[in-house]
Amino acid sequence: MGMNLMRSEPAMRRRVLVVDDETDFVATYERLLRREGYEVVAATSRATGLAMLAADPPHLVISDLRLPDGDGLDVVRAARGARAPVPVIVVTGYPSDETRRAAFAAGATTFLAKPFAAAVLLAAIRSSVDGTQETTT
């Protein structure tokens, strides 16, 4: 039991910024992340995501590639270029070798193609927050 307390306590202090214009995905991320003990803030546009990132940097960003007002890679670059770089999980419903390469070139730590299992996302979150290597699915 003490081990679970030690693992969940740091997660309680971890804030995740979700940038995705699909409200169903945002709701899913919020439910999943909150159940794991993360605080979640969400943006449905590139501009809002960039503003939230600059105002109060999170511990992790999950960003869609295609946003209504621009490229999610701008969010990746801003997160990775911050004074204290923030890991970014890039998600897309339009995966290709080109988008995967572009995401990693921009600094993404993980690239996930929608749809993906909750367990895959949780593993990506844990590895990104713990600072392990780049992954792709």
Protein backbone atom coordinates (compact mmCIF):
# COMPACT_ATOMS: atom_id res chain seq x y z
CA MET A 1 0.00 0.00 0.00
CA GLY A 2 2.81 2.42 0.81
CA MET A 3 4.24 1.84 -2.66
CA ASN A 4 0.95 2.91 -4.29
CA LEU A 5 0.92 6.10 -2.24
CA MET A 6 4.45 6.88 -3.33
CA ARG A 7 3.56 6.35 -7.00
CA SER A 8 0.28 8.28 -7.00
CA GLU A 9 1.46 11.27 -4.98
CA PRO A 10 3.85 12.61 -7.67
CA ALA A 11 1.17 12.05 -10.33
CA MET A 12 -1.22 14.27 -8.36
CA ARG A 13 1.15 17.15 -8.90
CA ARG A 14 1.52 16.44 -12.62
CA ARG A 15 -0.51 18.59 -15.01
CA VAL A 16 -1.20 17.51 -18.57
CA LEU A 17 -2.19 19.94 -21.32
CA VAL A 18 -4.39 18.30 -23.97
CA VAL A 19 -4.64 20.16 -27.30
CA ASP A 20 -7.27 18.55 -29.54
CA ASP A 21 -10.28 20.00 -31.35
CA GLU A 22 -12.25 16.74 -31.09
CA THR A 23 -14.24 17.11 -27.87
CA ASP A 24 -14.86 13.35 -27.62
CA PHE A 25 -11.10 12.74 -27.51
CA VAL A 26 -10.59 15.54 -24.99
CA ALA A 27 -13.26 14.03 -22.73
CA THR A 28 -11.66 10.59 -23.04
CA TYR A 29 -8.21 11.94 -22.21
CA GLU A 30 -9.61 13.84 -19.23
CA ARG A 31 -11.39 10.78 -17.81
CA LEU A 32 -8.38 8.53 -18.28
CA LEU A 33 -5.81 10.97 -16.96
CA ARG A 34 -7.84 12.07 -13.95
CA ARG A 35 -8.43 8.44 -13.03
CA GLU A 36 -4.63 8.06 -13.03
CA GLY A 37 -4.26 11.08 -10.75
CA TYR A 38 -3.20 13.73 -13.25
CA GLU A 39 -4.58 17.25 -13.39
CA VAL A 40 -5.85 17.98 -16.91
CA VAL A 41 -6.23 21.27 -18.75
CA ALA A 42 -7.53 21.33 -22.31
CA ALA A 43 -7.39 23.55 -25.37
CA THR A 44 -9.35 23.01 -28.58
CA SER A 45 -7.14 25.17 -30.79
CA ARG A 46 -3.49 25.78 -31.58
CA ALA A 47 -3.65 29.40 -30.34
CA THR A 48 -5.25 28.48 -27.01
CA GLY A 49 -2.82 25.61 -26.52
CA LEU A 50 0.17 27.88 -27.15
CA ALA A 51 -1.21 30.52 -24.76
CA MET A 52 -1.84 27.95 -22.02
CA LEU A 53 1.61 26.44 -22.55
CA ALA A 54 3.28 29.84 -22.21
CA ALA A 55 1.19 30.97 -19.22
CA ASP A 56 1.60 27.89 -17.04
CA PRO A 57 3.82 25.14 -18.48
CA PRO A 58 2.47 21.64 -17.78
CA HIS A 59 4.49 18.49 -17.11
CA LEU A 60 3.28 16.90 -20.36
CA VAL A 61 1.47 17.92 -23.55
CA ILE A 62 -0.75 15.67 -25.65
CA SER A 63 -1.40 17.39 -28.98
CA ASP A 64 -3.25 16.50 -32.13
CA LEU A 65 -1.42 17.31 -35.36
CA ARG A 66 -4.38 18.79 -37.20
CA LEU A 67 -5.96 21.72 -35.40
CA PRO A 68 -8.60 24.11 -36.75
CA ASP A 69 -6.28 27.12 -36.63
CA GLY A 70 -2.98 25.55 -37.65
CA ASP A 71 -0.40 22.87 -37.17
CA GLY A 72 -0.04 20.96 -33.92
CA LEU A 73 3.71 20.86 -34.58
CA ASP A 74 3.79 24.51 -33.46
CA VAL A 75 2.62 23.28 -30.05
CA VAL A 76 5.34 20.62 -30.07
CA ARG A 77 8.05 23.16 -30.93
CA ALA A 78 6.86 25.59 -28.26
CA ALA A 79 6.76 22.88 -25.60
CA ARG A 80 10.18 21.50 -26.48
CA GLY A 81 11.73 24.96 -26.88
CA ALA A 82 10.58 26.21 -23.49
CA ARG A 83 13.11 27.13 -20.82
CA ALA A 84 12.23 23.82 -19.17
CA PRO A 85 11.36 21.54 -22.13
CA VAL A 86 8.06 19.71 -21.79
CA PRO A 87 7.60 16.22 -23.28
CA VAL A 88 4.95 15.97 -26.00
CA ILE A 89 2.84 13.05 -27.17
CA VAL A 90 1.61 13.70 -30.70
CA VAL A 91 -1.62 12.02 -31.78
CA THR A 92 -3.12 11.97 -35.24
CA GLY A 93 -5.89 10.34 -37.17
CA TYR A 94 -3.80 10.79 -40.34
CA PRO A 95 -0.56 8.93 -39.68
CA SER A 96 2.14 8.64 -42.30
CA ASP A 97 5.91 8.24 -42.35
CA GLU A 98 6.13 11.93 -43.20
CA THR A 99 4.00 13.10 -40.27
CA ARG A 100 5.83 10.76 -37.90
CA ARG A 101 9.22 12.11 -39.02
CA ALA A 102 7.97 15.71 -38.79
CA ALA A 103 6.64 15.13 -35.28
CA PHE A 104 9.94 13.69 -34.04
CA ALA A 105 11.92 16.40 -35.85
CA ALA A 106 9.83 19.01 -34.00
CA GLY A 107 10.68 17.31 -30.70
CA ALA A 108 7.81 14.92 -30.00
CA THR A 109 8.65 12.20 -27.50
CA THR A 110 5.89 9.85 -28.71
CA PHE A 111 3.78 9.53 -31.86
CA LEU A 112 0.42 7.72 -31.66
CA ALA A 113 -1.99 6.98 -34.48
CA LYS A 114 -5.69 7.24 -33.62
CA PRO A 115 -7.41 5.11 -32.59
CA PHE A 116 -5.25 3.61 -29.88
CA ALA A 117 -5.94 1.63 -26.72
CA ALA A 118 -6.05 3.37 -23.35
CA ALA A 119 -3.19 1.13 -22.19
CA VAL A 120 -1.02 2.37 -25.07
CA LEU A 121 -1.70 6.00 -24.14
CA LEU A 122 -1.01 5.36 -20.46
CA ALA A 123 2.29 3.65 -21.30
CA ALA A 124 3.23 6.61 -23.51
CA ILE A 125 2.33 9.07 -20.74
CA ARG A 126 4.38 7.19 -18.18
CA SER A 127 7.42 6.90 -20.45
CA SER A 128 7.17 10.58 -21.48
CA VAL A 129 6.84 11.83 -17.92
CA ASP A 130 9.63 9.51 -16.75
CA GLY A 131 11.87 10.72 -19.58
CA THR A 132 12.40 7.47 -21.44
CA GLN A 133 13.01 7.14 -25.16
CA GLU A 134 10.92 8.13 -28.18
CA THR A 135 8.19 5.68 -29.12
CA THR A 136 5.79 5.28 -32.01
CA THR A 137 2.76 3.15 -32.78
